[in-house]
């Protein structure tokens, strides 16, 4: 049985972005996720030469974009649900915003 999840009010449950990340030190085994004003939201570390270390930058990039991805996916879901597929322009706008958030999360070049 599939459960229904309410999307109303979900956007207030996380740190608002935009968030950025900073890789620390020469070894790149530590990173910070920060708000625009430099306030630390999260500290992430990985043992050098570990699988986690080799993926650290990709992981913190994704962590930093999680709020934006959630916001865009909630907006896309709401547009689809409320439009009954009648407003193609709004759906295309939301799909493009979701695509841009995904690209930033995976570090794709524009």
Protein backbone atom coordinates (compact mmCIF):
# COMPACT_ATOMS: atom_id res chain seq x y z
CA UNK A 1 0.00 0.00 0.00
CA UNK A 2 1.40 3.38 -1.00
CA UNK A 3 1.25 6.06 1.68
CA UNK A 4 0.31 9.65 0.92
CA UNK A 5 2.80 12.29 2.05
CA UNK A 6 1.63 15.85 2.51
CA UNK A 7 3.95 18.36 0.88
CA UNK A 8 2.38 21.32 2.67
CA UNK A 9 4.74 22.96 5.14
CA UNK A 10 7.74 20.81 4.21
CA UNK A 11 9.86 23.77 3.06
CA UNK A 12 10.19 25.22 6.58
CA UNK A 13 11.94 22.13 7.96
CA UNK A 14 15.47 22.72 6.67
CA UNK A 15 18.11 25.43 6.53
CA UNK A 16 17.22 27.79 3.73
CA UNK A 17 19.78 28.27 1.00
CA UNK A 18 21.61 29.06 -0.88
CA UNK A 19 24.20 26.93 0.83
CA UNK A 20 27.77 26.54 -0.36
CA UNK A 21 30.57 24.17 0.50
CA UNK A 22 34.25 24.59 1.22
CA UNK A 23 36.84 21.81 1.03
CA UNK A 24 39.41 22.27 3.80
CA UNK A 25 43.12 21.48 3.99
CA UNK A 26 45.62 20.11 1.52
CA UNK A 27 44.36 16.54 1.75
CA UNK A 28 40.75 17.51 1.10
CA UNK A 29 39.50 15.21 3.83
CA UNK A 30 37.31 17.81 5.53
CA UNK A 31 34.58 20.12 4.30
CA UNK A 32 32.13 22.69 5.57
CA UNK A 33 28.64 23.42 4.33
CA UNK A 34 27.99 27.10 4.94
CA UNK A 35 25.32 29.74 4.53
CA UNK A 36 25.94 32.85 2.41
CA UNK A 37 27.13 34.76 5.50
CA UNK A 38 29.72 32.04 6.24
CA UNK A 39 27.82 30.43 9.14
CA UNK A 40 28.59 26.73 9.34
CA UNK A 41 25.63 24.43 8.77
CA UNK A 42 27.57 21.15 8.75
CA UNK A 43 31.09 19.78 9.08
CA UNK A 44 31.95 16.65 7.10
CA UNK A 45 35.12 14.59 7.26
CA UNK A 46 36.42 11.40 5.69
CA UNK A 47 39.49 9.27 6.28
CA UNK A 48 42.20 9.91 3.71
CA UNK A 49 42.44 7.27 0.96
CA UNK A 50 38.97 5.91 1.77
CA UNK A 51 36.05 5.56 -0.61
CA UNK A 52 34.31 8.34 1.33
CA UNK A 53 37.37 10.56 0.81
CA UNK A 54 37.31 10.04 -2.95
CA UNK A 55 33.64 11.11 -3.03
CA UNK A 56 33.82 13.90 -0.44
CA UNK A 57 33.44 16.85 -2.80
CA UNK A 58 30.55 15.25 -4.71
CA UNK A 59 28.85 14.36 -1.42
CA UNK A 60 29.12 17.80 0.16
CA UNK A 61 27.98 19.42 -3.11
CA UNK A 62 24.88 17.22 -2.98
CA UNK A 63 24.34 17.92 0.74
CA UNK A 64 24.60 21.67 0.10
CA UNK A 65 22.03 21.45 -2.71
CA UNK A 66 19.58 19.18 -0.87
CA UNK A 67 17.37 22.05 0.31
CA UNK A 68 17.21 23.56 -3.18
CA UNK A 69 16.46 20.17 -4.71
CA UNK A 70 13.68 19.57 -2.20
CA UNK A 71 12.18 23.01 -2.81
CA UNK A 72 12.18 22.56 -6.59
CA UNK A 73 10.80 19.03 -6.46
CA UNK A 74 8.00 20.10 -4.09
CA UNK A 75 7.16 23.00 -6.43
CA UNK A 76 7.22 20.67 -9.45
CA UNK A 77 4.98 18.14 -7.68
CA UNK A 78 2.56 20.90 -6.69
CA UNK A 79 2.46 22.26 -10.26
CA UNK A 80 1.72 18.83 -11.69
CA UNK A 81 -0.92 18.10 -9.03
CA UNK A 82 -2.67 21.46 -9.29
CA UNK A 83 -2.48 21.96 -13.05
CA UNK A 84 -4.07 18.68 -14.11
CA UNK A 85 -1.58 18.88 -16.99
CA UNK A 86 -3.39 21.91 -18.46
CA UNK A 87 -0.72 24.55 -17.94
CA UNK A 88 2.21 23.37 -20.02
CA UNK A 89 4.14 26.64 -19.59
CA UNK A 90 4.20 26.35 -15.78
CA UNK A 91 5.16 22.68 -15.96
CA UNK A 92 8.01 23.47 -18.35
CA UNK A 93 9.15 26.34 -16.08
CA UNK A 94 9.15 24.04 -13.02
CA UNK A 95 10.85 21.22 -14.92
CA UNK A 96 13.61 23.62 -16.02
CA UNK A 97 14.06 24.87 -12.44
CA UNK A 98 14.27 21.26 -11.20
CA UNK A 99 16.76 20.42 -13.97
CA UNK A 100 18.93 23.42 -12.98
CA UNK A 101 18.88 22.38 -9.30
CA UNK A 102 19.86 18.85 -10.24
CA UNK A 103 22.71 20.14 -12.43
CA UNK A 104 24.07 22.26 -9.54
CA UNK A 105 23.79 19.28 -7.18
CA UNK A 106 25.83 16.99 -9.43
CA UNK A 107 28.32 19.70 -10.38
CA UNK A 108 27.42 19.75 -14.08
CA UNK A 109 28.87 22.54 -16.14
CA UNK A 110 26.37 24.94 -17.75
